[in-house]
Amino acid sequence: MSRVLVIGAGGVGSVAVHKMAMNKDIFSHITLASRTKSKCDAIALSVKQRTGVTVDTAALDADDVAATTALIKAVKPALVVNLALPYQDLAIMDACLAAGVSYLDTANYETREEAKFEYSWQWAYQDRFRDAGLMALLGSGFDPGVTSVFSTYTKKHLLDRIDTLDILDCNGGDTGLPFATNFNPEINIREVTAPSRHWENGQWIEGPALSHKQVFDFDQVGPKNMYLMYHEELESLAKFYPEIKRIRFWMTFGDSYLKHLDVLQNVGMTRIDPVMFQGREIIPIEFLKALLPEPASLGPITKGKTNIGTIATGVKDGKARTVYVNNVCDHEEAYAETGNQAVSYTTGVPAMIGAALMLTGQWKGAGVFNMEQLDPDPFMAMLNQQGLPWKVQDLDAPLAF
């Protein structure tokens, strides 16, 4: 049994804390901290009502390394789970080193000034965490996270060699709203509007954002338009599986979402640089975020399912094989269990599982680790036990695109 400090009180933080409380044999004490303490208090009340477990709460500016260090020392957790904004990753990692506590997150670092994310900033912490005898686990969400574990499981059990890997992320949920993002609007829009990028034959191939579309028929969702995008697990998969010839990431978007996004881009509302408005500087995308629905508020109105998985081609026992590993998650079932929709659920549950495996010693080490470096089997087992069951399907042939 272990104490844990969770930083971040959005939908993902809410799911993670609810699921931790449901596993009190592992998580003996939970503290939830955020800039807005009232959000933490609301989650703590929901956890108490649903599970009977008491969650402590605290106000915290996670950009403030000294304040974060002080809170960690006061709480005395065995692990800090960072579910705050990716801009804050390095500050929280610095605080963990100062306080002598291990670290976990779900999304890699990016700066506020540039729509760019890569692991180099966090991989640079390898020696510091190793020398301190601490573990930093990066990307324990769904994608990255579960998709990385699906890939590792595929290599360990299903294919002797992976030649191509496609990650398919489908959110078939419907809120009934004309435009809403299912996670932090600022991060979502920065990600979607970035140039596409995939790994092929030892190099990165780039193209315009949302320029390559395919239709795929997703189980329990149906045919959806999906678009080639860059996503952070491509970088770590290319690093740890250099034999893979091609790695791509696809995400589905509805026509209404893309129409609204196109208009917002055209009028400058997705800009991340400051502009002058009535004598003061504002950042358009931050103003837009204030106008859009809070993702954590979408749970009661979201219907439908997500379907996220990996399709890998390669060789098993000398024969060509194509395997599809995926999970289907129901928005309404996720909301009934935790008060949050499935996009938050599919990230918050893996964050809890990664934390559980670290706290129980099933995943351990000194240094900075990506999900691909660790044994997939205990994680895959916990997915089945904790609400994200997966299945393996053989496909007749590789994808036709």
Foldseek 3Di string as FASTA:
>chain_A
DWAEEEEDLALLSLLQVLLCLVVCVQHVAYEYEYQDQVSVVVSQVLSCVQRVDGYHYDHDDLQDLVRLLVVCLVRVTQEYEYAHDLCNVVSNVSSCLVNLHAYEYAAHHDHLQDLDGACPVVQVCFVSQQVSQYEYEYRLFVVVNVQLLQVLCCCVPPFVAFAEKEKEKEDLKDLVDLEADLAQQLNVLSQQQDWAWWAAQHDIDTGGGQPDWDWDQFPQRGIFIKGWGDGHVRNVCCVVRVNHGIYTYIYGDDPSHVVVSVVCVVVPQSASDWDDDPHDTDGSVVVVSVVHDRSLVRLVRMFGKIKIWMWTWHHDPRHTWIKIKIWIATQNVSCVSRVHGDVSNSGNQSSSLVVSCDSVVVDGHGGYDYNNVHNSVSSQVVCCVSGTHMDMDTDPDDDPD
